[in-house]
Each structure stands twice: as structure tokens, then as C-alpha cells.
N, C-alpha and C. Protein backbone atom coordinates (compact mmCIF):
# COMPACT_ATOMS: atom_id res chain seq x y z
N UNK A 1 4.91 -9.58 -3.75
CA UNK A 1 5.59 -8.35 -3.70
C UNK A 1 4.44 -7.78 -4.32
N UNK A 2 4.22 -6.90 -3.77
CA UNK A 2 3.48 -5.70 -4.96
C UNK A 2 4.79 -4.31 -4.88
N UNK A 3 4.78 -4.23 -6.00
CA UNK A 3 5.51 -3.35 -6.73
C UNK A 3 5.28 -2.37 -7.67
N UNK A 4 3.94 -1.66 -7.82
CA UNK A 4 3.33 -1.08 -8.75
C UNK A 4 3.02 0.37 -8.16
N UNK A 5 2.45 1.01 -9.03
CA UNK A 5 2.12 2.84 -8.69
C UNK A 5 0.52 2.68 -8.46
N UNK A 6 -0.48 1.39 -8.18
CA UNK A 6 -1.84 1.65 -7.86
C UNK A 6 -2.60 2.50 -8.84
N UNK A 7 -2.27 2.28 -10.20
CA UNK A 7 -2.92 3.38 -11.00
C UNK A 7 -3.57 2.64 -11.93
N UNK A 8 -5.22 2.83 -12.34
CA UNK A 8 -5.76 2.00 -13.15
C UNK A 8 -6.30 3.30 -13.98
N UNK A 9 -5.55 3.03 -15.60
CA UNK A 9 -5.14 4.16 -16.15
C UNK A 9 -5.35 5.97 -15.84
N UNK A 10 -5.91 6.37 -15.33
CA UNK A 10 -5.66 7.76 -15.06
C UNK A 10 -6.42 7.93 -13.22
N UNK A 11 -7.10 7.00 -12.83
CA UNK A 11 -7.33 6.45 -11.78
C UNK A 11 -6.52 6.35 -10.89
N UNK A 12 -5.96 6.65 -9.33
CA UNK A 12 -5.61 5.99 -8.73
C UNK A 12 -6.16 5.27 -7.76
N UNK A 13 -5.43 4.02 -6.77
CA UNK A 13 -6.88 3.40 -6.08
C UNK A 13 -6.52 3.95 -4.56
N UNK A 14 -7.51 4.09 -3.98
CA UNK A 14 -7.48 4.45 -2.82
C UNK A 14 -6.75 3.50 -1.92
N UNK A 15 -6.42 3.85 -0.43
CA UNK A 15 -5.73 3.19 0.18
C UNK A 15 -6.39 2.00 0.29
N UNK A 16 -7.98 1.82 0.78
CA UNK A 16 -8.58 1.07 1.11
C UNK A 16 -8.94 0.43 -0.34
N UNK A 17 -8.66 0.54 -1.18
CA UNK A 17 -8.85 -0.34 -2.56
C UNK A 17 -7.77 -0.99 -2.57
N UNK A 18 -6.48 -0.44 -2.18
CA UNK A 18 -5.18 -1.06 -2.13
C UNK A 18 -4.86 -2.73 -1.31
N UNK A 19 -5.71 -2.35 -0.13
CA UNK A 19 -5.63 -3.19 0.94
C UNK A 19 -6.94 -4.20 0.38
N UNK A 20 -7.84 -4.18 0.11
CA UNK A 20 -8.69 -4.61 -0.93
C UNK A 20 -8.42 -6.10 -1.93
N UNK A 21 -7.31 -5.12 -2.29
CA UNK A 21 -6.69 -6.24 -3.60
C UNK A 21 -5.86 -6.91 -3.12
N UNK A 22 -4.68 -6.79 -2.38
CA UNK A 22 -3.70 -7.32 -1.54
C UNK A 22 -4.05 -8.49 -0.54
N UNK A 23 -5.32 -8.07 -0.07
CA UNK A 23 -6.58 -9.40 1.10
C UNK A 23 -6.96 -10.35 -0.35
N UNK A 24 -7.79 -9.51 -1.16
CA UNK A 24 -8.44 -10.78 -2.30
C UNK A 24 -7.02 -11.73 -2.81
N UNK A 25 -5.94 -10.83 -3.50
CA UNK A 25 -4.80 -11.74 -3.95
C UNK A 25 -4.18 -12.71 -3.03
N UNK A 26 -4.03 -12.18 -1.67
CA UNK A 26 -3.39 -13.25 -0.73
C UNK A 26 -4.44 -14.74 -0.56
N UNK A 27 -5.49 -14.32 -0.28
CA UNK A 27 -6.54 -14.89 -0.39
C UNK A 27 -6.84 -15.95 -1.20
N UNK A 28 -6.47 -15.69 -2.63
CA UNK A 28 -6.61 -16.46 -3.35
C UNK A 28 -5.76 -17.60 -4.17
N UNK A 29 -4.49 -16.49 -3.56
CA UNK A 29 -2.98 -17.79 -3.88
C UNK A 29 -3.05 -18.70 -2.68
N UNK A 30 -3.32 -18.13 -1.31
CA UNK A 30 -3.96 -19.50 -0.80
C UNK A 30 -5.00 -20.41 -0.63
N UNK A 31 -5.62 -20.12 -1.11
CA UNK A 31 -6.84 -21.07 -1.75
C UNK A 31 -6.23 -21.89 -2.75
N UNK A 32 -5.71 -21.35 -4.02
CA UNK A 32 -4.40 -22.39 -4.85
C UNK A 32 -3.50 -23.05 -4.27
N UNK A 33 -3.26 -23.01 -3.57
CA UNK A 33 -1.93 -23.49 -2.42
C UNK A 33 -2.69 -24.59 -1.06
N UNK A 34 -4.28 -24.85 -1.09
CA UNK A 34 -4.56 -25.21 -0.06
C UNK A 34 -4.10 -26.36 -0.01
N UNK A 35 -3.91 -27.16 0.93
CA UNK A 35 -3.64 -28.95 1.23
C UNK A 35 -1.91 -29.12 1.05
N UNK A 36 -1.71 -27.79 0.50
CA UNK A 36 0.37 -28.21 0.25
C UNK A 36 1.04 -27.19 1.58
N UNK A 37 2.23 -27.12 1.78
CA UNK A 37 2.75 -26.98 2.75
C UNK A 37 3.64 -25.71 2.27
N UNK A 38 2.58 -24.52 1.54
CA UNK A 38 3.19 -23.86 1.12
C UNK A 38 2.47 -22.30 2.52
N UNK A 39 3.49 -21.40 2.57
CA UNK A 39 2.95 -20.85 3.13
C UNK A 39 2.96 -18.80 2.49
N UNK A 40 1.75 -18.74 2.33
CA UNK A 40 1.62 -16.89 1.14
C UNK A 40 1.84 -15.97 2.28
N UNK A 41 2.13 -15.08 1.94
CA UNK A 41 2.67 -13.72 2.68
C UNK A 41 2.93 -12.79 1.62
N UNK A 42 2.62 -11.71 2.18
CA UNK A 42 3.24 -10.25 1.52
C UNK A 42 4.86 -10.01 2.10
N UNK A 43 5.46 -10.17 1.35
CA UNK A 43 6.91 -9.75 1.63
C UNK A 43 8.11 -10.28 0.53
N UNK A 44 9.58 -9.33 0.94
CA UNK A 44 10.15 -9.14 -0.50
C UNK A 44 11.43 -10.80 -0.12
N UNK A 45 10.80 -11.21 0.88
CA UNK A 45 11.99 -12.39 1.08
C UNK A 45 11.67 -13.82 1.24
N UNK A 46 11.57 -14.46 0.73
CA UNK A 46 11.06 -15.26 0.31
C UNK A 46 11.64 -16.38 -0.69
N UNK A 47 11.67 -17.49 -0.65
CA UNK A 47 12.37 -18.81 -1.37
C UNK A 47 11.71 -18.50 -2.49
N UNK A 48 10.25 -18.20 -2.79
CA UNK A 48 10.37 -17.97 -4.18
C UNK A 48 9.13 -16.68 -3.69
N UNK A 49 8.88 -16.02 -5.00
CA UNK A 49 8.50 -14.65 -5.23
C UNK A 49 7.47 -14.41 -6.14
N UNK A 50 6.42 -14.25 -6.33
CA UNK A 50 5.46 -13.24 -7.59
C UNK A 50 5.46 -12.05 -7.18
N UNK A 51 5.91 -10.89 -7.84
CA UNK A 51 6.05 -9.64 -8.22
C UNK A 51 4.81 -8.87 -8.80
N UNK A 52 4.27 -8.04 -7.92
CA UNK A 52 3.22 -7.43 -9.05
C UNK A 52 3.69 -6.17 -9.75
N UNK A 53 3.80 -5.72 -10.76
CA UNK A 53 4.76 -4.89 -10.73
C UNK A 53 3.47 -4.03 -12.01
N UNK A 54 4.19 -2.82 -12.28
CA UNK A 54 2.95 -1.66 -12.79
C UNK A 54 2.66 -1.99 -14.34
N UNK A 55 3.61 -2.69 -15.76
CA UNK A 55 3.17 -3.11 -16.51
C UNK A 55 4.32 -3.98 -17.45
N UNK A 56 4.26 -4.29 -18.30
CA UNK A 56 5.25 -4.97 -19.12
C UNK A 56 5.22 -4.21 -19.73
N UNK A 57 5.35 -3.70 -21.24
CA UNK A 57 5.70 -2.77 -22.34
C UNK A 57 4.56 -1.94 -22.12
N UNK A 58 4.25 -0.81 -21.93
CA UNK A 58 3.25 0.07 -22.05
C UNK A 58 2.85 0.36 -23.25
N UNK A 59 3.93 0.51 -24.08
CA UNK A 59 3.64 1.19 -25.57
C UNK A 59 3.33 0.13 -26.29
N UNK A 60 2.68 -1.42 -26.04
CA UNK A 60 2.39 -2.63 -26.83
C UNK A 60 0.72 -1.99 -26.53
N UNK A 61 0.32 -1.51 -25.86
CA UNK A 61 -0.92 -1.29 -25.93
C UNK A 61 -1.49 -0.04 -26.84
N UNK A 62 -0.60 0.38 -26.98
CA UNK A 62 -0.90 1.83 -27.57
C UNK A 62 -0.54 1.27 -29.31
N UNK A 63 0.28 0.33 -29.56
CA UNK A 63 0.41 -0.03 -30.66
C UNK A 63 -0.92 -1.20 -31.19
N UNK A 64 -1.96 -1.46 -30.48
CA UNK A 64 -2.71 -2.38 -30.63
C UNK A 64 -2.17 -3.33 -29.89
N UNK A 65 -1.47 -4.00 -29.17
CA UNK A 65 -1.15 -5.26 -29.08
C UNK A 65 -1.03 -5.61 -27.35
N UNK A 66 -1.41 -6.64 -26.69
CA UNK A 66 -1.29 -6.62 -25.39
C UNK A 66 -0.40 -7.13 -24.58
N UNK A 67 0.39 -6.95 -23.76
CA UNK A 67 1.62 -7.77 -23.10
C UNK A 67 0.79 -9.08 -22.26
N UNK A 68 1.55 -9.63 -22.23
CA UNK A 68 1.22 -11.09 -21.36
C UNK A 68 0.87 -10.37 -19.89
N UNK A 69 -0.24 -11.06 -18.88
CA UNK A 69 -0.29 -10.56 -17.97
C UNK A 69 0.59 -11.15 -16.60
N UNK A 70 1.13 -12.34 -16.97
CA UNK A 70 2.07 -12.38 -16.07
C UNK A 70 3.47 -13.57 -16.88
N UNK A 71 4.54 -13.84 -16.38
CA UNK A 71 5.68 -14.13 -16.83
C UNK A 71 6.69 -14.51 -16.11
N UNK A 72 7.38 -16.00 -16.40
CA UNK A 72 8.49 -16.73 -15.59
C UNK A 72 9.45 -16.68 -16.67
N UNK A 73 10.85 -16.51 -16.24
CA UNK A 73 11.75 -16.33 -17.19
C UNK A 73 12.41 -17.84 -16.84
N UNK A 74 13.01 -18.87 -17.98
CA UNK A 74 13.62 -20.07 -17.83
C UNK A 74 14.42 -19.94 -16.43
N UNK A 75 14.28 -20.73 -15.55
CA UNK A 75 15.33 -21.08 -14.13
C UNK A 75 15.28 -19.87 -13.17
N UNK A 76 13.34 -19.21 -13.13
CA UNK A 76 13.52 -18.75 -12.00
C UNK A 76 12.64 -18.87 -11.29
N UNK A 77 13.34 -18.45 -9.99
CA UNK A 77 12.10 -18.37 -8.75
C UNK A 77 11.54 -16.95 -8.53
N UNK A 78 11.69 -16.23 -9.30
CA UNK A 78 10.53 -14.97 -8.96
C UNK A 78 9.64 -14.90 -10.41
N UNK A 79 8.55 -14.93 -10.61
CA UNK A 79 7.58 -14.45 -11.36
C UNK A 79 6.89 -13.09 -11.74
N UNK A 80 6.65 -12.48 -12.47
CA UNK A 80 5.98 -11.32 -12.67
C UNK A 80 4.75 -11.32 -13.14
N UNK A 81 3.42 -10.74 -12.61
CA UNK A 81 2.54 -10.55 -12.82
C UNK A 81 2.06 -8.58 -13.07
N UNK A 82 1.53 -8.47 -14.46
CA UNK A 82 1.69 -7.11 -14.96
C UNK A 82 0.09 -6.46 -14.37
N UNK A 83 0.23 -5.65 -13.38
CA UNK A 83 -0.29 -5.32 -12.54
C UNK A 83 -1.83 -4.56 -14.44
N UNK A 84 -1.53 -3.59 -14.79
CA UNK A 84 -1.58 -2.83 -16.23
C UNK A 84 -2.41 -3.96 -16.82
N UNK A 85 -1.94 -4.84 -17.79
CA UNK A 85 -2.35 -6.02 -18.69
C UNK A 85 -3.36 -7.05 -17.96
N UNK A 86 -3.29 -6.85 -16.53
CA UNK A 86 -4.18 -7.61 -15.63
C UNK A 86 -5.67 -6.96 -15.80
N UNK A 87 -5.43 -5.50 -15.22
CA UNK A 87 -6.53 -4.63 -15.54
C UNK A 87 -7.09 -4.77 -16.40
N UNK A 88 -6.32 -4.78 -17.72
CA UNK A 88 -7.35 -4.69 -19.08
C UNK A 88 -7.65 -5.62 -19.60
N UNK A 89 -7.06 -6.55 -18.95
CA UNK A 89 -7.97 -8.40 -19.08
C UNK A 89 -9.32 -8.39 -18.44
N UNK A 90 -9.10 -7.57 -17.39
CA UNK A 90 -10.56 -7.82 -16.28
C UNK A 90 -11.09 -6.45 -16.92
N UNK A 91 -11.31 -5.67 -17.56
CA UNK A 91 -11.99 -4.73 -18.49
C UNK A 91 -12.89 -5.59 -19.63
N UNK A 92 -11.84 -6.13 -19.99
CA UNK A 92 -12.21 -6.90 -21.27
C UNK A 92 -13.29 -8.24 -20.80
N UNK A 93 -12.66 -8.66 -20.10
CA UNK A 93 -13.95 -10.14 -19.21
C UNK A 93 -14.89 -9.42 -19.14
N UNK A 94 -15.29 -8.71 -18.37
CA UNK A 94 -16.76 -8.18 -17.66
C UNK A 94 -16.71 -7.47 -18.59
N UNK A 95 -16.33 -6.83 -19.65
CA UNK A 95 -17.38 -5.94 -20.96
C UNK A 95 -17.33 -4.43 -20.61
N UNK A 96 -16.40 -4.01 -19.75
CA UNK A 96 -16.12 -2.72 -19.79
C UNK A 96 -14.97 -1.71 -20.41
N UNK A 97 -15.68 -0.78 -20.57
CA UNK A 97 -14.60 0.14 -21.76
C UNK A 97 -13.53 0.68 -20.70
N UNK A 98 -13.79 1.23 -19.02
CA UNK A 98 -13.40 1.76 -18.10
C UNK A 98 -13.58 1.48 -17.31
N UNK A 99 -13.13 1.68 -16.11
CA UNK A 99 -13.73 0.91 -14.52
C UNK A 99 -15.08 1.90 -13.97
N UNK A 100 -14.78 3.51 -14.82
CA UNK A 100 -16.28 4.02 -14.19
C UNK A 100 -17.61 3.67 -14.95
N UNK A 101 -17.51 3.19 -16.19
CA UNK A 101 -18.44 2.64 -17.01
C UNK A 101 -18.91 1.41 -16.61
N UNK A 102 -18.58 0.40 -16.01
CA UNK A 102 -19.20 -0.66 -15.89
C UNK A 102 -20.13 -1.54 -15.32
N UNK A 103 -20.83 -2.63 -16.05
CA UNK A 103 -22.10 -2.70 -15.48
C UNK A 103 -22.05 -3.34 -13.85
N UNK A 104 -20.32 -3.91 -13.53
CA UNK A 104 -19.99 -4.54 -11.96
C UNK A 104 -19.87 -2.91 -11.44
N UNK A 105 -19.97 -3.11 -9.93
CA UNK A 105 -19.50 -2.14 -8.99
C UNK A 105 -18.15 -2.36 -9.18
N UNK A 106 -17.52 -0.85 -8.84
CA UNK A 106 -16.47 -0.68 -8.38
C UNK A 106 -15.53 -1.57 -7.61
N UNK A 107 -16.46 -1.95 -6.32
CA UNK A 107 -15.89 -2.88 -5.51
C UNK A 107 -16.07 -4.22 -6.07
N UNK A 108 -16.92 -4.80 -6.93
CA UNK A 108 -16.91 -6.06 -7.57
C UNK A 108 -15.53 -6.13 -8.28
N UNK A 109 -15.25 -4.78 -9.00
CA UNK A 109 -13.78 -4.58 -10.13
C UNK A 109 -12.96 -4.74 -9.44
N UNK A 110 -12.84 -4.67 -8.12
CA UNK A 110 -11.07 -4.25 -7.23
C UNK A 110 -11.21 -5.39 -6.91
N UNK A 111 -12.50 -6.26 -6.22
CA UNK A 111 -12.15 -7.76 -5.54
C UNK A 111 -11.83 -8.51 -6.94
N UNK A 112 -12.12 -8.65 -7.87
CA UNK A 112 -12.17 -9.43 -9.18
C UNK A 112 -10.62 -8.86 -9.76
N UNK A 113 -10.16 -7.71 -9.76
CA UNK A 113 -8.90 -7.61 -9.69
C UNK A 113 -7.72 -8.56 -9.01
N UNK A 114 -7.80 -7.91 -7.35
CA UNK A 114 -7.09 -8.31 -6.40
C UNK A 114 -7.03 -10.48 -6.82
N UNK A 115 -8.16 -11.35 -7.36
CA UNK A 115 -8.44 -12.36 -7.32
C UNK A 115 -7.97 -12.74 -8.42
N UNK A 116 -7.75 -12.11 -9.73
CA UNK A 116 -7.10 -12.11 -10.77
C UNK A 116 -5.74 -11.87 -10.51
N UNK A 117 -5.10 -11.41 -9.74
CA UNK A 117 -3.66 -11.44 -9.33
C UNK A 117 -3.46 -12.40 -8.78
N UNK A 118 -3.82 -12.56 -7.60
CA UNK A 118 -3.77 -14.12 -6.71
C UNK A 118 -3.79 -15.12 -7.71
N UNK A 119 -4.75 -15.26 -9.03
CA UNK A 119 -5.18 -16.53 -9.60
C UNK A 119 -3.35 -16.57 -10.87
N UNK A 120 -3.55 -15.54 -11.27
CA UNK A 120 -1.85 -14.70 -11.89
C UNK A 120 -1.24 -15.64 -11.54
N UNK A 121 -0.63 -15.26 -10.17
CA UNK A 121 0.30 -15.14 -9.24
C UNK A 121 0.66 -17.18 -8.92
N UNK A 122 -0.43 -17.37 -9.30
CA UNK A 122 -0.51 -19.00 -8.59
C UNK A 122 0.09 -19.76 -9.61
N UNK A 123 -0.37 -19.64 -10.92
CA UNK A 123 0.00 -20.16 -12.11
C UNK A 123 1.45 -19.66 -12.69
N UNK A 124 1.94 -18.52 -12.35
CA UNK A 124 3.33 -18.35 -12.62
C UNK A 124 4.52 -19.04 -11.57
N UNK A 125 3.85 -19.10 -10.57
CA UNK A 125 4.89 -19.89 -9.45
C UNK A 125 4.93 -21.14 -9.79
N UNK A 126 3.68 -21.29 -10.71
CA UNK A 126 3.69 -23.07 -10.98
C UNK A 126 4.92 -23.14 -12.33
N UNK A 127 5.06 -22.16 -13.06
CA UNK A 127 6.09 -22.31 -14.32
C UNK A 127 7.47 -22.20 -13.43
N UNK A 128 7.63 -21.60 -12.40
CA UNK A 128 9.02 -21.75 -11.38
C UNK A 128 10.08 -23.20 -11.65
N UNK A 129 10.85 -22.92 -11.78
CA UNK A 129 12.24 -24.18 -11.76
C UNK A 129 12.04 -24.58 -10.83
N UNK A 130 11.97 -25.79 -10.99
CA UNK A 130 11.74 -27.05 -10.05
C UNK A 130 10.24 -27.43 -9.45
N UNK A 131 9.23 -26.72 -10.08
CA UNK A 131 7.86 -26.82 -10.35
C UNK A 131 6.96 -27.81 -11.01
N UNK A 132 7.25 -26.37 -12.36
CA UNK A 132 6.90 -26.98 -13.59
C UNK A 132 5.36 -27.60 -13.20
N UNK A 133 4.07 -26.95 -12.73
CA UNK A 133 3.34 -28.11 -12.28
C UNK A 133 2.20 -26.93 -13.22
N UNK A 134 2.56 -25.88 -13.74
CA UNK A 134 1.32 -25.04 -14.18
C UNK A 134 1.93 -25.23 -16.05
N UNK A 135 0.81 -26.37 -16.65
CA UNK A 135 0.98 -27.08 -17.77
C UNK A 135 0.31 -26.40 -18.81
N UNK A 136 -0.58 -25.10 -18.72
CA UNK A 136 -1.33 -24.52 -19.77
C UNK A 136 -2.22 -25.21 -20.13
N UNK A 137 -3.39 -25.99 -19.50
CA UNK A 137 -3.92 -26.90 -19.53
C UNK A 137 -5.31 -26.36 -20.52
N UNK A 138 -5.88 -27.20 -21.19
CA UNK A 138 -6.96 -26.71 -22.02
C UNK A 138 -8.14 -26.39 -20.93
N UNK A 139 -8.06 -25.43 -20.14
CA UNK A 139 -8.80 -25.60 -18.96
C UNK A 139 -9.23 -24.25 -18.49
N UNK A 140 -10.45 -23.38 -18.83
CA UNK A 140 -10.68 -22.27 -18.56
C UNK A 140 -10.91 -21.83 -17.11
N UNK A 141 -11.29 -22.58 -16.45
CA UNK A 141 -11.39 -22.61 -14.75
C UNK A 141 -10.01 -23.17 -14.08
N UNK A 142 -9.21 -23.04 -14.76
CA UNK A 142 -7.94 -24.09 -14.01
C UNK A 142 -6.91 -22.68 -13.89
N UNK A 143 -6.14 -22.59 -12.89
CA UNK A 143 -4.99 -21.91 -12.64
C UNK A 143 -3.90 -22.34 -13.44
N UNK A 144 -3.60 -23.20 -13.97
CA UNK A 144 -2.86 -23.80 -14.71
C UNK A 144 -3.20 -23.85 -16.37
N UNK A 145 -4.46 -23.30 -16.65
CA UNK A 145 -4.97 -22.90 -17.85
C UNK A 145 -4.24 -22.31 -18.89
N UNK A 146 -4.51 -22.50 -19.98
CA UNK A 146 -3.32 -21.39 -21.07
C UNK A 146 -4.51 -19.89 -20.81
N UNK A 147 -5.17 -19.13 -20.32
CA UNK A 147 -6.26 -17.76 -20.82
C UNK A 147 -6.37 -17.56 -19.22
N UNK A 148 -6.13 -16.04 -19.19
CA UNK A 148 -6.45 -15.40 -17.94
C UNK A 148 -7.74 -14.55 -18.47
N UNK A 149 -8.46 -14.69 -19.44
CA UNK A 149 -8.80 -14.57 -20.30
C UNK A 149 -10.75 -14.43 -20.02
N UNK A 150 -11.21 -15.19 -18.56
CA UNK A 150 -12.07 -15.62 -18.22
C UNK A 150 -12.83 -15.46 -17.09
N UNK A 151 -13.94 -15.28 -16.73
CA UNK A 151 -14.87 -14.88 -15.79
C UNK A 151 -14.28 -15.53 -14.63
N UNK A 152 -14.36 -16.76 -14.65
CA UNK A 152 -13.69 -17.51 -13.57
C UNK A 152 -12.43 -17.37 -12.87
N UNK A 153 -11.53 -17.02 -13.73
CA UNK A 153 -10.13 -16.19 -13.40
C UNK A 153 -10.29 -15.13 -12.33
N UNK A 154 -11.38 -14.23 -12.56
CA UNK A 154 -11.55 -13.00 -11.86
C UNK A 154 -12.81 -13.20 -10.86
N UNK A 155 -13.64 -13.89 -11.34
CA UNK A 155 -14.95 -14.08 -10.62
C UNK A 155 -15.17 -15.05 -9.92
N UNK A 156 -14.37 -16.02 -10.45
CA UNK A 156 -15.03 -17.83 -10.22
C UNK A 156 -14.31 -18.07 -8.83
N UNK A 157 -14.24 -19.89 -8.89
CA UNK A 157 -13.28 -20.45 -8.05
C UNK A 157 -12.35 -21.43 -8.69
N UNK A 158 -11.28 -20.70 -9.25
CA UNK A 158 -10.35 -21.69 -10.00
C UNK A 158 -9.92 -23.00 -9.35
N UNK A 159 -9.65 -23.87 -10.19
CA UNK A 159 -8.60 -25.08 -9.32
C UNK A 159 -7.86 -25.35 -10.27
N UNK A 160 -6.80 -26.71 -9.72
CA UNK A 160 -5.93 -26.81 -10.29
C UNK A 160 -6.53 -28.15 -11.19
N UNK A 161 -6.13 -28.45 -12.88
CA UNK A 161 -6.13 -29.59 -13.53
C UNK A 161 -5.70 -30.63 -12.45
N UNK A 162 -5.89 -31.99 -13.24
CA UNK A 162 -5.67 -33.20 -12.03
C UNK A 162 -4.36 -33.65 -12.64
N UNK A 163 -4.05 -33.02 -13.55
CA UNK A 163 -2.38 -33.34 -14.15
C UNK A 163 -1.57 -32.21 -13.35
N UNK A 164 -1.97 -31.07 -12.86
CA UNK A 164 -1.32 -30.00 -12.33
C UNK A 164 -1.00 -30.80 -10.78
N UNK A 165 -1.90 -30.89 -10.39
CA UNK A 165 -1.98 -31.46 -8.60
C UNK A 165 -1.55 -32.46 -8.53
N UNK A 166 -1.45 -33.08 -9.98
CA UNK A 166 -0.16 -34.70 -9.26
C UNK A 166 1.28 -34.55 -9.57
N UNK A 167 1.26 -33.50 -10.55
CA UNK A 167 2.80 -32.81 -10.56
C UNK A 167 3.22 -31.99 -8.92
N UNK A 168 2.03 -31.16 -8.51
CA UNK A 168 2.01 -30.72 -7.13
C UNK A 168 3.07 -31.72 -6.35
N UNK A 169 2.05 -32.51 -6.58
CA UNK A 169 2.04 -33.81 -5.16
C UNK A 169 3.37 -34.14 -5.23
N UNK A 170 4.31 -34.10 -6.22
CA UNK A 170 5.50 -34.90 -6.25
C UNK A 170 6.47 -33.67 -6.28
N UNK A 171 5.85 -32.46 -6.26
CA UNK A 171 7.37 -31.17 -5.88
C UNK A 171 6.76 -30.42 -4.50
N UNK A 172 5.46 -30.68 -4.01
CA UNK A 172 5.35 -29.78 -2.69
C UNK A 172 5.01 -30.95 -1.81
N UNK A 173 5.23 -30.79 -0.68
CA UNK A 173 4.95 -31.14 0.48
C UNK A 173 3.54 -31.19 0.79
N UNK A 174 2.89 -32.02 0.84
CA UNK A 174 1.85 -32.05 1.27
C UNK A 174 1.37 -31.50 3.11
N UNK A 175 0.08 -30.34 3.42
CA UNK A 175 -0.07 -30.42 4.55
C UNK A 175 -0.50 -31.23 5.32
N UNK A 176 -0.07 -31.89 6.29
CA UNK A 176 -0.94 -32.69 7.30
C UNK A 176 -2.03 -31.73 8.03
N UNK A 177 -3.04 -32.69 8.21
CA UNK A 177 -4.13 -32.02 8.26
C UNK A 177 -4.80 -33.02 9.48
N UNK A 178 -4.91 -32.89 10.45
CA UNK A 178 -5.59 -33.83 11.66
C UNK A 178 -4.83 -35.27 11.71
N UNK A 179 -3.50 -34.84 11.80
CA UNK A 179 -2.69 -35.52 11.81
C UNK A 179 -2.29 -36.93 10.97
N UNK A 180 -3.24 -36.34 9.05
CA UNK A 180 -2.74 -37.40 8.74
C UNK A 180 -2.75 -36.18 7.21
N UNK A 181 -2.08 -36.72 6.19
CA UNK A 181 -1.81 -36.40 4.55
C UNK A 181 -3.39 -36.46 3.46
């Protein structure tokens, strides 16, 4: 669910960029849960939610601190992905001061932001009550890794660690493909 203002610093994203971010985020989430009986869609009515909001505590950045890119409270079935903080992390990973002065194209950054939203949402959903498969693994390329501050998180092909996939098999139904699991 997207509940944000679609602003990146002083820039408001175009409608086409918003659509591209949503599409990349949903594709990333679908990829994260491929092989499991999980339906990923945009909307407010669901058993589990990942809410993309405008920001954690904007004042933290002004004080030189960054907020988390995502959070899931104990016993929750909803998680938050903080749009502003994730964008700041994307800029740092890409080595950019801002969107306009970046070595990557604007389109690459928009796609990367969408993929980062999806990867962060997958991680946070893994922390939700009853799931607990986002184990904060020591793996920079894993959805369940400890950090989003990696090129893989925004531009690569993240995967779940073996331990997370084992836990997922215990708590999520596997999707049958061609008549077999």
C-alpha cells in the first residue's frame, strides 16, 4: 500500500515515475515470494500489509542521523517501508548527492527505488508475527540480510538465505507448479 507524498527531496515524481516505482516494487515482492502461495497486490485490504509511507522521523536526518528504511512492530501484521529514508539510502549506494547529479540515469534510479521498496517490504513482511523468517542474516544479497545499504538491494537480484527459506517452508504454503510442490 502506497501512502506517501511521492516527493524525493524537493522533486515531486511524475505520474509515470510513480507507476514505474509501483510496478518495480510489486515485481520485486512477487520475485521474493516466488514458489510460495502468496498473492502480492496493491491495496489496503489484505491479511498482511506493507505500507510505503513518507518518512520515519524527518528531523533525524537534519540532526545527522538516519531513520530505518523499514520497521515492523512486535506482534504486527503490518509493516512500514519509509520512502524518504529508502531514497536517501539509494542515493548513498549509488554515490549520488541528489537525483539530478547522479551517475545513474533518472530512470535507473526510479527503477532502483521501486526494487528497493519491494526488497525492503519483503524483509519487513518476514518480521511479521507468525512469520519471523527475516532473520537479519550476514548476507548483503539476501532479503533477510542486516542492511539495505547494498547495490544488490536496489539494482541486483536479492534472494533469501537458506535459513530463511527453511523457515518460510514451515510457515508459508508452497505453490504447486505443474501438479507438484
